[in-house]
Amino acid sequence: MAIDPNMTPVEVLRLALEREKQAVAFYKEAAEHCNHPAAKATFLAMVEEEKDHLRRIEEDLDRYFYQDN
């Protein structure tokens, strides 16, 4: 799914969440199938980066859209 100009900011952030979840799954799978130690470490580091992105997006959704400001 691409970003539609008519999407609300919340819809765009929800889309971003889904893409981050897909990225986590991608890097986890890459690490599982990787025999090269340095590459495996890189993939696992990317999993943590994507998890951090998920956390930040969820926090922003809560802070700016789901709670009274």
C-alpha atoms as a PDB file:
ATOM      1  CA  MET A   1       0.000   0.000   0.000  1.00  0.00           C
ATOM      2  CA  ALA A   2       1.305   3.421  -0.943  1.00  0.00           C
ATOM      3  CA  ILE A   3       0.674   6.684   0.802  1.00  0.00           C
ATOM      4  CA  ASP A   4      -2.457   8.293  -0.552  1.00  0.00           C
ATOM      5  CA  PRO A   5      -2.636  12.108  -0.403  1.00  0.00           C
ATOM      6  CA  ASN A   6      -6.046  11.740   1.238  1.00  0.00           C
ATOM      7  CA  MET A   7      -4.729   9.668   4.140  1.00  0.00           C
ATOM      8  CA  THR A   8      -4.826  11.193   7.592  1.00  0.00           C
ATOM      9  CA  PRO A   9      -1.627  11.461   9.626  1.00  0.00           C
ATOM     10  CA  VAL A  10      -2.858   8.597  11.821  1.00  0.00           C
ATOM     11  CA  GLU A  11      -3.406   6.406   8.764  1.00  0.00           C
ATOM     12  CA  VAL A  12       0.092   7.184   7.510  1.00  0.00           C
ATOM     13  CA  LEU A  13       1.606   6.344  10.900  1.00  0.00           C
ATOM     14  CA  ARG A  14      -0.363   3.096  11.052  1.00  0.00           C
ATOM     15  CA  LEU A  15       0.974   2.241   7.611  1.00  0.00           C
ATOM     16  CA  ALA A  16       4.464   3.029   8.866  1.00  0.00           C
ATOM     17  CA  LEU A  17       3.892   0.653  11.790  1.00  0.00           C
ATOM     18  CA  GLU A  18       2.980  -2.149   9.414  1.00  0.00           C
ATOM     19  CA  ARG A  19       6.060  -1.524   7.306  1.00  0.00           C
ATOM     20  CA  GLU A  20       8.291  -1.513  10.376  1.00  0.00           C
ATOM     21  CA  LYS A  21       6.766  -4.841  11.471  1.00  0.00           C
ATOM     22  CA  GLN A  22       7.507  -6.243   8.031  1.00  0.00           C
ATOM     23  CA  ALA A  23      11.083  -4.991   8.291  1.00  0.00           C
ATOM     24  CA  VAL A  24      11.503  -6.694  11.692  1.00  0.00           C
ATOM     25  CA  ALA A  25      10.276  -9.969  10.207  1.00  0.00           C
ATOM     26  CA  PHE A  26      12.554  -9.555   7.168  1.00  0.00           C
ATOM     27  CA  TYR A  27      15.716  -8.972   9.212  1.00  0.00           C
ATOM     28  CA  LYS A  28      14.848 -11.781  11.652  1.00  0.00           C
ATOM     29  CA  GLU A  29      14.455 -14.195   8.762  1.00  0.00           C
ATOM     30  CA  ALA A  30      17.678 -12.973   7.178  1.00  0.00           C
ATOM     31  CA  ALA A  31      19.532 -13.547  10.465  1.00  0.00           C
ATOM     32  CA  GLU A  32      18.058 -17.029  10.833  1.00  0.00           C
ATOM     33  CA  HIS A  33      19.306 -18.070   7.397  1.00  0.00           C
ATOM     34  CA  CYS A  34      22.675 -16.364   7.572  1.00  0.00           C
ATOM     35  CA  ASN A  35      25.886 -18.304   8.217  1.00  0.00           C
ATOM     36  CA  HIS A  36      28.192 -15.285   8.126  1.00  0.00           C
ATOM     37  CA  PRO A  37      28.725 -14.026  11.713  1.00  0.00           C
ATOM     38  CA  ALA A  38      29.207 -10.353  10.839  1.00  0.00           C
ATOM     39  CA  ALA A  39      26.209 -10.297   8.515  1.00  0.00           C
ATOM     40  CA  LYS A  40      24.077 -12.109  11.097  1.00  0.00           C
ATOM     41  CA  ALA A  41      25.077  -9.516  13.713  1.00  0.00           C
ATOM     42  CA  THR A  42      24.149  -6.746  11.291  1.00  0.00           C
ATOM     43  CA  PHE A  43      20.730  -8.279  10.640  1.00  0.00           C
ATOM     44  CA  LEU A  44      20.093  -8.664  14.371  1.00  0.00           C
ATOM     45  CA  ALA A  45      21.132  -5.052  14.938  1.00  0.00           C
ATOM     46  CA  MET A  46      18.680  -4.007  12.232  1.00  0.00           C
ATOM     47  CA  VAL A  47      15.918  -5.920  14.051  1.00  0.00           C
ATOM     48  CA  GLU A  48      16.597  -3.780  17.113  1.00  0.00           C
ATOM     49  CA  GLU A  49      16.628  -0.588  15.025  1.00  0.00           C
ATOM     50  CA  GLU A  50      13.258  -1.449  13.499  1.00  0.00           C
ATOM     51  CA  LYS A  51      11.847  -2.273  16.945  1.00  0.00           C
ATOM     52  CA  ASP A  52      12.997   1.161  18.098  1.00  0.00           C
ATOM     53  CA  HIS A  53      11.183   2.721  15.130  1.00  0.00           C
ATOM     54  CA  LEU A  54       8.034   0.808  16.112  1.00  0.00           C
ATOM     55  CA  ARG A  55       8.288   2.085  19.681  1.00  0.00           C
ATOM     56  CA  ARG A  56       8.796   5.676  18.560  1.00  0.00           C
ATOM     57  CA  ILE A  57       5.847   5.604  16.151  1.00  0.00           C
ATOM     58  CA  GLU A  58       3.601   4.052  18.812  1.00  0.00           C
ATOM     59  CA  GLU A  59       4.693   6.698  21.324  1.00  0.00           C
ATOM     60  CA  ASP A  60       3.980   9.496  18.853  1.00  0.00           C
ATOM     61  CA  LEU A  61       0.566   8.073  18.037  1.00  0.00           C
ATOM     62  CA  ASP A  62      -0.247   7.977  21.741  1.00  0.00           C
ATOM     63  CA  ARG A  63       1.203  11.403  22.465  1.00  0.00           C
ATOM     64  CA  TYR A  64      -0.214  13.347  19.535  1.00  0.00           C
ATOM     65  CA  PHE A  65      -3.348  11.515  18.479  1.00  0.00           C
ATOM     66  CA  TYR A  66      -4.716   9.241  21.204  1.00  0.00           C
ATOM     67  CA  GLN A  67      -4.361  11.329  24.357  1.00  0.00           C
ATOM     68  CA  ASP A  68      -5.708  14.707  25.346  1.00  0.00           C
ATOM     69  CA  ASN A  69      -3.004  17.312  24.897  1.00  0.00           C
END
